[in-house]
Amino acid sequence: MTGLAGPSPAEIDDPVRRCQFSPPAVMAALLDLEISGRIGTLPGHCVTLLTDEAHWTE
């Protein structure tokens, strides 16, 4: 799933369109990745892959 997100912000629908899983399954996976600190969500329904150097604050 992290292969569908990159360091540049992308609309949350992009990973849904680019994989073979259902939208609810993708959203659940993205939520798990966000909770684990591997991706971040941004305003405008965007997601971005967080690097080890990135520090995400709300």
Protein backbone atom coordinates (compact mmCIF):
# COMPACT_ATOMS: atom_id res chain seq x y z
CA MET A 1 0.00 0.00 0.00
CA THR A 2 2.86 2.42 0.71
CA GLY A 3 3.88 2.00 -2.93
CA LEU A 4 0.70 3.86 -3.86
CA ALA A 5 1.63 6.93 -1.82
CA GLY A 6 4.65 9.11 -2.41
CA PRO A 7 6.42 12.00 -0.73
CA SER A 8 4.35 14.47 -2.77
CA PRO A 9 0.79 15.01 -1.59
CA ALA A 10 -1.80 13.14 -3.63
CA GLU A 11 -5.56 13.15 -3.49
CA ILE A 12 -6.85 10.34 -1.32
CA ASP A 13 -8.78 8.95 -4.31
CA ASP A 14 -5.54 8.26 -6.24
CA PRO A 15 -4.55 5.15 -4.25
CA VAL A 16 -8.16 3.93 -4.45
CA ARG A 17 -8.11 4.18 -8.25
CA ARG A 18 -4.66 2.62 -8.67
CA CYS A 19 -5.16 -0.63 -6.77
CA GLN A 20 -7.40 -3.67 -7.05
CA PHE A 21 -8.91 -3.37 -3.56
CA SER A 22 -12.31 -1.95 -2.66
CA PRO A 23 -12.46 1.67 -1.49
CA PRO A 24 -13.33 0.65 2.12
CA ALA A 25 -10.32 -1.72 2.21
CA VAL A 26 -8.01 1.02 0.91
CA MET A 27 -9.36 3.53 3.43
CA ALA A 28 -8.84 1.04 6.27
CA ALA A 29 -5.26 0.40 5.13
CA LEU A 30 -4.58 4.14 4.86
CA LEU A 31 -5.94 4.63 8.38
CA ASP A 32 -3.64 1.89 9.70
CA LEU A 33 -0.68 3.54 7.95
CA GLU A 34 -1.60 6.93 9.36
CA ILE A 35 -1.91 5.57 12.90
CA SER A 36 1.50 3.89 12.56
CA GLY A 37 3.04 7.16 11.35
CA ARG A 38 3.93 5.96 7.85
CA ILE A 39 1.61 8.34 5.99
CA GLY A 40 0.13 11.70 6.82
CA THR A 41 -3.15 13.26 5.84
CA LEU A 42 -3.28 16.83 4.63
CA PRO A 43 -6.03 19.36 4.05
CA GLY A 44 -7.98 18.83 0.85
CA HIS A 45 -8.30 15.06 1.28
CA CYS A 46 -4.63 14.44 0.44
CA VAL A 47 -2.17 11.86 1.73
CA THR A 48 1.61 11.78 1.69
CA LEU A 49 4.20 9.17 2.54
CA LEU A 50 6.23 10.24 5.57
CA THR A 51 9.96 9.69 5.56
CA ASP A 52 12.03 8.82 8.61
CA GLU A 53 13.13 12.48 8.79
CA ALA A 54 9.59 13.84 8.69
CA HIS A 55 7.96 14.89 11.92
CA TRP A 56 4.19 15.06 11.60
CA THR A 57 2.34 17.51 13.81
CA GLU A 58 -1.29 18.48 13.69
